[in-house]
């Protein structure tokens, strides 16, 4: 028998009380594409909005094989066990509708965190578009904040545009790197490195220490060629081993110091405001696109217009003008 449908007030009360069950159901609600669920989800979000905004939002990305799950498990353990903080782990995975997405296995790769009452791990939804997945992740982040999580880690699982999306969700963006990964993995770095607030070379252990130190010097030299970040903060390059915990505390110290410095300068608050406005404009675009394609006149005319464009009998611009004029 399915659980009773909760009201917005019941959802809000359960989330504020720290109920993991209600939080999980609320995130499922915001991931739903049903119009009735969407309306209720917005009621819930509006109800808990005063309880959001107090968490530190950390984005984590890295090349395949860098060990994101292992790193997050180690950092999460440090935050929960040593710092006594409440942690949530979310993901942005635009590829999950094709191949399942590696985040779906993260609960098994984060066994210690998965067993902790102070940690909440949520796989990414299998969305059909990056925009839809990002919206669901953004709203899940707000729900986790309202549930009292001190730190929210947003992990990228897909590649490419998902890094930019996560960067727009968080206060601090951490890029995990491998030492000696080879040039084939380095081509994607330039744009992502420019977004990073810190670089972290992982797996600096088991005979890999010297290669990690060389990579650290190389990346430090490369960062000197980049323009000064908008935050005004120097981008450090750190060495860590998630296996033995080396450097994990130093990573958290860098994140805390960054948050304190940017709060003092006003950049932290300005960035949050910019993100809010960015989310507003993205929501408008997504809503307009959805209404356009669901319009009965457009749905009736679209196949013929698409055929005409594909055959070269109609320019895409003229086709768009025709459809928008319906």
Protein backbone atom coordinates (compact mmCIF):
# COMPACT_ATOMS: atom_id res chain seq x y z
CA UNK A 1 0.00 0.00 0.00
CA UNK A 2 1.53 3.36 -1.05
CA UNK A 3 2.22 5.91 1.70
CA UNK A 4 -0.36 8.60 2.35
CA UNK A 5 0.11 11.73 0.25
CA UNK A 6 1.41 14.44 2.54
CA UNK A 7 0.30 18.06 2.49
CA UNK A 8 2.79 20.88 1.99
CA UNK A 9 2.59 21.67 5.72
CA UNK A 10 3.28 18.03 6.64
CA UNK A 11 6.25 17.92 4.29
CA UNK A 12 7.64 21.16 5.72
CA UNK A 13 7.21 19.98 9.32
CA UNK A 14 8.88 16.64 8.62
CA UNK A 15 11.80 18.28 6.81
CA UNK A 16 12.37 20.78 9.62
CA UNK A 17 12.25 17.93 12.14
CA UNK A 18 15.07 16.20 10.26
CA UNK A 19 13.05 13.19 9.08
CA UNK A 20 15.14 11.40 6.45
CA UNK A 21 12.02 9.63 5.15
CA UNK A 22 10.12 12.86 4.58
CA UNK A 23 13.19 14.53 3.08
CA UNK A 24 13.60 11.64 0.65
CA UNK A 25 9.94 11.81 -0.33
CA UNK A 26 10.16 15.58 -0.78
CA UNK A 27 13.15 15.22 -3.13
CA UNK A 28 11.24 12.58 -5.11
CA UNK A 29 8.40 15.10 -5.31
CA UNK A 30 10.59 17.87 -6.77
CA UNK A 31 12.07 15.38 -9.27
CA UNK A 32 8.60 14.44 -10.54
CA UNK A 33 7.41 15.80 -13.89
CA UNK A 34 3.70 15.41 -13.05
CA UNK A 35 1.92 18.80 -13.00
CA UNK A 36 0.13 17.96 -9.73
CA UNK A 37 3.44 17.04 -8.08
CA UNK A 38 5.09 20.17 -9.42
CA UNK A 39 2.45 22.42 -7.82
CA UNK A 40 2.80 20.66 -4.46
CA UNK A 41 6.60 20.73 -4.68
CA UNK A 42 6.57 24.50 -5.15
CA UNK A 43 4.31 24.84 -2.10
CA UNK A 44 6.76 22.77 -0.05
CA UNK A 45 9.75 24.77 -1.25
CA UNK A 46 8.04 28.06 -0.49
CA UNK A 47 7.14 26.81 3.00
CA UNK A 48 10.72 25.84 3.89
CA UNK A 49 12.40 28.77 2.12
CA UNK A 50 13.01 30.70 5.38
CA UNK A 51 15.02 27.71 6.65
CA UNK A 52 17.37 27.61 3.63
CA UNK A 53 20.61 29.41 2.84
CA UNK A 54 22.59 28.51 5.97
CA UNK A 55 24.58 25.56 4.57
CA UNK A 56 27.97 25.70 2.92
CA UNK A 57 27.59 24.41 -0.65
CA UNK A 58 30.63 22.62 -2.09
CA UNK A 59 30.89 21.40 -5.68
CA UNK A 60 33.28 18.55 -6.51
CA UNK A 61 34.29 17.46 -9.99
CA UNK A 62 37.13 15.55 -11.62
CA UNK A 63 38.23 13.37 -14.49
CA UNK A 64 37.04 9.75 -14.69
CA UNK A 65 39.06 7.54 -12.36
CA UNK A 66 40.10 10.37 -10.07
CA UNK A 67 38.21 8.78 -7.18
CA UNK A 68 35.42 11.26 -6.47
CA UNK A 69 33.37 8.81 -4.44
CA UNK A 70 36.35 7.69 -2.37
CA UNK A 71 37.36 11.30 -1.78
CA UNK A 72 33.84 12.34 -0.77
CA UNK A 73 33.64 9.36 1.60
CA UNK A 74 36.92 10.47 3.24
CA UNK A 75 35.96 14.15 3.41
CA UNK A 76 32.46 13.27 4.63
CA UNK A 77 33.86 11.06 7.35
CA UNK A 78 36.11 13.90 8.49
CA UNK A 79 33.18 16.35 8.57
CA UNK A 80 30.84 13.99 10.43
CA UNK A 81 33.29 12.26 12.76
CA UNK A 82 35.84 15.00 13.49
CA UNK A 83 33.85 18.19 12.99
CA UNK A 84 30.46 16.92 14.12
CA UNK A 85 28.69 18.32 11.06
CA UNK A 86 25.59 17.13 9.23
CA UNK A 87 26.27 16.34 5.56
CA UNK A 88 24.25 15.82 2.37
CA UNK A 89 25.67 14.53 -0.92
CA UNK A 90 23.80 15.26 -4.18
CA UNK A 91 24.75 14.83 -7.82
CA UNK A 92 24.27 16.34 -11.24
CA UNK A 93 24.25 13.57 -13.83
CA UNK A 94 22.91 14.50 -17.30
CA UNK A 95 24.15 11.15 -18.67
CA UNK A 96 22.08 8.98 -16.34
CA UNK A 97 19.24 8.47 -18.82
CA UNK A 98 21.68 6.78 -21.20
CA UNK A 99 23.95 4.62 -19.12
CA UNK A 100 22.70 4.60 -15.56
CA UNK A 101 25.31 7.05 -14.28
CA UNK A 102 27.96 6.15 -11.75
CA UNK A 103 26.30 8.08 -8.92
CA UNK A 104 23.74 5.29 -8.68
CA UNK A 105 26.49 3.13 -7.23
CA UNK A 106 27.79 5.77 -4.85
CA UNK A 107 25.88 4.43 -1.86
CA UNK A 108 27.87 1.23 -2.19
CA UNK A 109 31.12 3.14 -2.70
CA UNK A 110 30.43 5.32 0.36
CA UNK A 111 29.65 2.54 2.86
CA UNK A 112 30.64 4.45 6.00
CA UNK A 113 28.70 7.61 5.07
CA UNK A 114 25.67 5.58 3.98
CA UNK A 115 25.40 4.13 7.48
CA UNK A 116 25.59 7.49 9.28
CA UNK A 117 22.45 9.24 10.56
CA UNK A 118 24.28 12.57 10.07
CA UNK A 119 24.86 11.90 6.35
CA UNK A 120 22.32 11.86 3.52
CA UNK A 121 23.32 10.55 0.06
CA UNK A 122 20.97 11.11 -2.86
CA UNK A 123 21.52 9.73 -6.38
CA UNK A 124 20.80 12.03 -9.30
CA UNK A 125 17.49 11.69 -11.17
CA UNK A 126 17.55 10.16 -14.62
CA UNK A 127 16.58 13.37 -16.37
CA UNK A 128 16.17 13.87 -20.08
CA UNK A 129 17.99 17.21 -20.06
CA UNK A 130 20.72 18.88 -18.06
CA UNK A 131 18.35 21.74 -17.26
CA UNK A 132 15.81 19.39 -15.72
CA UNK A 133 18.42 17.54 -13.68
CA UNK A 134 19.95 20.83 -12.51
CA UNK A 135 16.54 22.15 -11.42
CA UNK A 136 15.84 19.00 -9.43
CA UNK A 137 19.31 19.13 -7.84
CA UNK A 138 18.93 22.81 -6.98
CA UNK A 139 15.58 22.22 -5.29
CA UNK A 140 16.90 19.12 -3.51
CA UNK A 141 19.75 21.28 -2.20
CA UNK A 142 17.24 23.74 -0.70
CA UNK A 143 15.33 20.88 0.94
CA UNK A 144 18.55 19.50 2.45
CA UNK A 145 19.37 22.95 3.81
CA UNK A 146 15.94 23.20 5.40
CA UNK A 147 16.54 19.77 6.97
CA UNK A 148 19.53 21.22 8.81
CA UNK A 149 22.51 19.89 6.83
CA UNK A 150 25.56 22.03 7.55
CA UNK A 151 27.44 21.08 4.39
CA UNK A 152 26.04 20.02 1.02
CA UNK A 153 28.37 18.42 -1.50
CA UNK A 154 27.19 18.54 -5.11
CA UNK A 155 29.09 16.04 -7.25
CA UNK A 156 29.33 16.09 -11.03
CA UNK A 157 28.96 12.67 -12.59
CA UNK A 158 28.50 13.57 -16.24
CA UNK A 159 31.14 15.50 -18.15
CA UNK A 160 31.26 18.81 -19.97
CA UNK A 161 28.43 21.23 -19.31
CA UNK A 162 27.59 19.67 -15.95
CA UNK A 163 30.68 21.32 -14.43
CA UNK A 164 29.35 24.75 -15.38
CA UNK A 165 25.96 23.83 -13.95
CA UNK A 166 27.40 22.69 -10.62
CA UNK A 167 29.59 25.80 -10.45
CA UNK A 168 26.35 27.80 -10.57
CA UNK A 169 24.92 25.83 -7.62
CA UNK A 170 27.72 26.11 -5.05
CA UNK A 171 29.83 28.46 -2.94
CA UNK A 172 33.12 26.61 -3.43
CA UNK A 173 34.17 24.56 -6.46
CA UNK A 174 36.83 21.86 -5.95
CA UNK A 175 38.54 20.20 -8.90
CA UNK A 176 40.09 16.77 -8.27
CA UNK A 177 43.09 15.87 -10.44
CA UNK A 178 45.29 12.84 -11.06
CA UNK A 179 49.08 12.95 -11.20
CA UNK A 180 50.45 11.64 -14.51
CA UNK A 181 47.02 10.96 -15.99
CA UNK A 182 48.30 11.59 -19.49
CA UNK A 183 47.59 14.30 -22.06
CA UNK A 184 44.37 12.61 -23.21
CA UNK A 185 42.75 13.58 -19.89
CA UNK A 186 44.21 17.06 -19.70
CA UNK A 187 42.41 18.62 -22.69
CA UNK A 188 39.24 19.34 -20.73
CA UNK A 189 41.07 21.10 -17.94
CA UNK A 190 41.54 24.70 -19.03
CA UNK A 191 37.91 25.86 -18.77
CA UNK A 192 37.26 23.83 -15.63
CA UNK A 193 40.48 25.01 -13.98
CA UNK A 194 39.39 28.61 -14.48
CA UNK A 195 36.22 27.86 -12.50
CA UNK A 196 37.98 26.05 -9.64
CA UNK A 197 38.47 27.63 -6.21
CA UNK A 198 41.01 24.92 -5.35
CA UNK A 199 42.72 22.01 -7.09
CA UNK A 200 43.28 18.73 -5.28
CA UNK A 201 45.63 16.02 -6.56
CA UNK A 202 44.29 12.71 -5.33
CA UNK A 203 45.91 9.32 -4.73
CA UNK A 204 49.15 10.89 -3.44
CA UNK A 205 50.12 7.58 -1.85
CA UNK A 206 51.52 4.08 -2.51
CA UNK A 207 54.61 5.27 -4.41
CA UNK A 208 52.75 8.01 -6.27
CA UNK A 209 53.89 10.77 -3.90
CA UNK A 210 56.73 12.07 -6.10
CA UNK A 211 54.53 12.23 -9.22
CA UNK A 212 51.85 14.04 -7.18
CA UNK A 213 54.36 16.63 -5.96
CA UNK A 214 55.57 17.23 -9.53
CA UNK A 215 52.00 17.60 -10.73
CA UNK A 216 51.36 20.08 -7.92
CA UNK A 217 54.24 22.28 -9.11
CA UNK A 218 53.04 22.03 -12.73
CA UNK A 219 49.50 23.08 -11.84
CA UNK A 220 50.71 25.88 -9.58
CA UNK A 221 52.76 27.22 -12.48
CA UNK A 222 49.80 26.93 -14.85
CA UNK A 223 47.50 28.79 -12.44
CA UNK A 224 49.88 31.77 -12.43
CA UNK A 225 48.97 32.31 -16.10
CA UNK A 226 45.25 32.54 -15.33
CA UNK A 227 43.50 35.82 -14.51
CA UNK A 228 42.76 36.59 -10.87
CA UNK A 229 39.51 34.83 -9.84
CA UNK A 230 36.45 37.05 -9.20
CA UNK A 231 36.65 36.05 -5.54
CA UNK A 232 40.07 37.65 -5.24
CA UNK A 233 41.34 34.49 -3.52
CA UNK A 234 44.46 32.56 -4.52
CA UNK A 235 43.66 29.11 -5.94
CA UNK A 236 45.70 26.55 -3.93
CA UNK A 237 46.84 23.14 -5.16
CA UNK A 238 46.54 20.43 -2.51
CA UNK A 239 47.72 16.83 -2.17
CA UNK A 240 45.48 14.18 -0.63
CA UNK A 241 45.15 10.48 -0.06
CA UNK A 242 41.61 9.33 0.62
CA UNK A 243 42.98 5.90 1.59
CA UNK A 244 44.97 7.08 4.63
CA UNK A 245 43.26 10.45 5.11
CA UNK A 246 46.34 12.56 4.34
CA UNK A 247 45.46 16.13 3.42
CA UNK A 248 41.70 15.76 3.96
CA UNK A 249 41.68 18.11 6.96
CA UNK A 250 43.74 20.64 4.98
CA UNK A 251 41.14 20.60 2.18
CA UNK A 252 38.38 21.45 4.64
CA UNK A 253 40.53 24.19 6.19
CA UNK A 254 40.96 25.76 2.73
CA UNK A 255 37.19 25.64 2.15
CA UNK A 256 36.43 27.19 5.55
CA UNK A 257 39.03 29.94 5.08
CA UNK A 258 37.66 30.72 1.61
CA UNK A 259 34.11 30.97 2.96
CA UNK A 260 35.24 33.27 5.80
CA UNK A 261 37.28 35.52 3.50
CA UNK A 262 34.56 35.85 0.83
CA UNK A 263 31.89 36.49 3.44
CA UNK A 264 34.06 39.29 4.87
CA UNK A 265 34.63 40.81 1.41
CA UNK A 266 30.95 40.54 0.44
CA UNK A 267 31.70 38.28 -2.54
CA UNK A 268 29.99 35.27 -0.92
CA UNK A 269 26.65 37.10 -0.65
CA UNK A 270 26.97 38.67 -4.11
CA UNK A 271 27.58 35.26 -5.67
CA UNK A 272 24.53 33.79 -3.92
CA UNK A 273 22.42 36.69 -5.27
CA UNK A 274 23.79 36.19 -8.80
CA UNK A 275 22.96 32.49 -8.60
CA UNK A 276 19.40 33.27 -7.47
CA UNK A 277 18.90 35.55 -10.50
CA UNK A 278 20.52 32.99 -12.79
CA UNK A 279 18.11 30.33 -11.48
CA UNK A 280 15.20 32.73 -12.08
CA UNK A 281 16.13 33.27 -15.74
CA UNK A 282 16.76 29.55 -16.29
CA UNK A 283 13.36 28.76 -14.78
CA UNK A 284 11.68 31.26 -17.11
CA UNK A 285 13.38 29.76 -20.18
CA UNK A 286 12.46 26.20 -19.15
CA UNK A 287 8.84 27.16 -18.42
CA UNK A 288 8.45 28.99 -21.74
CA UNK A 289 9.98 26.08 -23.65
CA UNK A 290 7.69 23.59 -21.92
CA UNK A 291 4.58 25.68 -22.61
CA UNK A 292 5.59 26.17 -26.24
CA UNK A 293 6.08 22.48 -27.03
CA UNK A 294 2.95 21.47 -25.11
CA UNK A 295 0.75 23.96 -26.96
CA UNK A 296 -1.81 21.95 -29.05
CA UNK A 297 -1.35 24.19 -32.12
CA UNK A 298 2.41 23.80 -32.02
CA UNK A 299 2.20 20.03 -31.54
CA UNK A 300 -0.13 19.75 -34.52
CA UNK A 301 1.99 21.90 -36.85
CA UNK A 302 5.50 20.92 -35.69
CA UNK A 303 5.97 17.67 -37.71
CA UNK A 304 5.20 19.39 -41.03
CA UNK A 305 7.44 22.35 -40.23
CA UNK A 306 10.28 20.06 -39.18
CA UNK A 307 9.92 18.10 -42.43
CA UNK A 308 10.05 21.31 -44.46
CA UNK A 309 13.20 22.48 -42.66
CA UNK A 310 14.87 19.08 -43.05
CA UNK A 311 14.06 19.06 -46.80
CA UNK A 312 15.53 22.53 -47.23
CA UNK A 313 12.24 24.14 -48.21
CA UNK A 314 12.05 26.40 -45.18
CA UNK A 315 14.75 28.17 -43.21
CA UNK A 316 14.97 27.38 -39.48
CA UNK A 317 14.43 31.07 -38.67
CA UNK A 318 11.26 31.29 -40.78
CA UNK A 319 10.04 28.02 -39.28
CA UNK A 320 10.58 29.31 -35.77
CA UNK A 321 8.76 32.54 -36.58
CA UNK A 322 5.81 30.56 -37.94
CA UNK A 323 5.57 28.32 -34.89
CA UNK A 324 5.97 31.18 -32.44
CA UNK A 325 3.17 33.03 -34.23
CA UNK A 326 0.62 30.24 -33.75
